[in-house]
């Protein structure tokens, strides 16, 4: 039985965008002028500096203005707690 990672919602779409362009992590790292471990970490969902996001976007052929397509804001990633959840959270 094969493990599927598709059931989890990705934090960002870097891996998807990279794979759509038939790029390896190493190729993206070279083109973005960042370390390979940076690409690996970002694809795992770890946060990075805005400048790193800009470099990755440009290396993927995207504009910085398109960053929300690749790096959705945290506000969109989380749902608001219900009244019941907030009632007992002190």
Protein backbone atom coordinates (compact mmCIF):
# COMPACT_ATOMS: atom_id res chain seq x y z
CA UNK A 1 0.00 0.00 0.00
CA UNK A 2 1.39 3.35 -1.00
CA UNK A 3 1.38 6.33 1.37
CA UNK A 4 -0.47 9.32 -0.07
CA UNK A 5 0.53 12.85 0.82
CA UNK A 6 -2.33 14.31 -1.21
CA UNK A 7 -4.75 14.00 1.69
CA UNK A 8 -2.98 16.80 3.57
CA UNK A 9 -3.55 20.37 2.47
CA UNK A 10 -0.21 21.87 1.43
CA UNK A 11 0.99 25.00 3.20
CA UNK A 12 2.24 26.35 -0.13
CA UNK A 13 2.30 25.32 -3.77
CA UNK A 14 6.07 25.49 -4.40
CA UNK A 15 6.40 21.76 -5.04
CA UNK A 16 3.39 21.71 -7.35
CA UNK A 17 4.65 24.71 -9.34
CA UNK A 18 8.18 23.28 -9.52
CA UNK A 19 6.96 19.89 -10.72
CA UNK A 20 4.65 21.52 -13.28
CA UNK A 21 7.78 23.12 -14.74
CA UNK A 22 9.62 19.76 -14.70
CA UNK A 23 12.26 21.17 -12.36
CA UNK A 24 14.13 19.33 -9.63
CA UNK A 25 14.63 20.88 -6.22
CA UNK A 26 18.30 21.36 -7.10
CA UNK A 27 17.44 23.18 -10.34
CA UNK A 28 15.03 25.49 -8.54
CA UNK A 29 17.58 26.16 -5.80
CA UNK A 30 20.25 27.08 -8.37
CA UNK A 31 17.90 29.29 -10.35
CA UNK A 32 16.61 31.02 -7.20
CA UNK A 33 20.16 31.30 -5.78
CA UNK A 34 19.15 29.69 -2.49
CA UNK A 35 20.36 26.55 -0.75
CA UNK A 36 18.85 23.21 -1.70
CA UNK A 37 17.87 22.69 1.94
CA UNK A 38 15.89 25.96 1.72
CA UNK A 39 13.76 24.60 -1.13
CA UNK A 40 13.33 21.33 0.75
CA UNK A 41 12.25 23.18 3.92
CA UNK A 42 9.86 25.49 2.08
CA UNK A 43 8.22 22.55 0.31
CA UNK A 44 7.81 20.85 3.71
CA UNK A 45 5.85 23.91 4.86
CA UNK A 46 8.45 25.73 6.93
CA UNK A 47 8.32 29.50 6.83
CA UNK A 48 10.94 31.57 5.03
CA UNK A 49 11.83 35.21 4.60
CA UNK A 50 9.92 37.34 2.11
CA UNK A 51 13.12 37.79 0.07
CA UNK A 52 13.42 34.00 -0.25
CA UNK A 53 9.80 33.80 -1.42
CA UNK A 54 10.56 36.49 -4.00
CA UNK A 55 13.59 34.56 -5.30
CA UNK A 56 11.58 31.35 -5.56
CA UNK A 57 8.71 33.08 -7.34
CA UNK A 58 11.05 34.69 -9.88
CA UNK A 59 12.84 31.37 -10.44
CA UNK A 60 9.45 29.79 -11.17
CA UNK A 61 8.76 32.51 -13.74
CA UNK A 62 6.17 34.25 -11.61
CA UNK A 63 5.84 37.83 -10.46
CA UNK A 64 6.10 38.83 -6.82
CA UNK A 65 2.53 40.11 -7.11
CA UNK A 66 1.45 36.49 -7.75
CA UNK A 67 2.86 35.32 -4.39
CA UNK A 68 -0.57 34.54 -2.94
CA UNK A 69 -1.06 31.87 -5.62
CA UNK A 70 2.01 30.04 -4.33
CA UNK A 71 2.17 31.16 -0.70
CA UNK A 72 -1.42 31.56 0.55
CA UNK A 73 -1.71 33.81 3.56
CA UNK A 74 -1.99 32.17 6.97
CA UNK A 75 -5.37 33.82 7.45
CA UNK A 76 -6.76 31.73 4.59
CA UNK A 77 -5.18 28.54 5.96
CA UNK A 78 -6.98 28.53 9.30
CA UNK A 79 -10.66 28.60 10.11
CA UNK A 80 -12.13 30.78 12.80
CA UNK A 81 -12.92 28.96 16.05
CA UNK A 82 -16.57 28.37 16.81
CA UNK A 83 -18.32 29.98 19.75
CA UNK A 84 -18.17 26.66 21.63
CA UNK A 85 -14.40 26.40 21.09
CA UNK A 86 -13.75 29.92 22.39
CA UNK A 87 -16.08 29.59 25.40
CA UNK A 88 -13.76 27.19 27.21
CA UNK A 89 -10.38 28.38 25.99
CA UNK A 90 -9.25 30.27 29.11
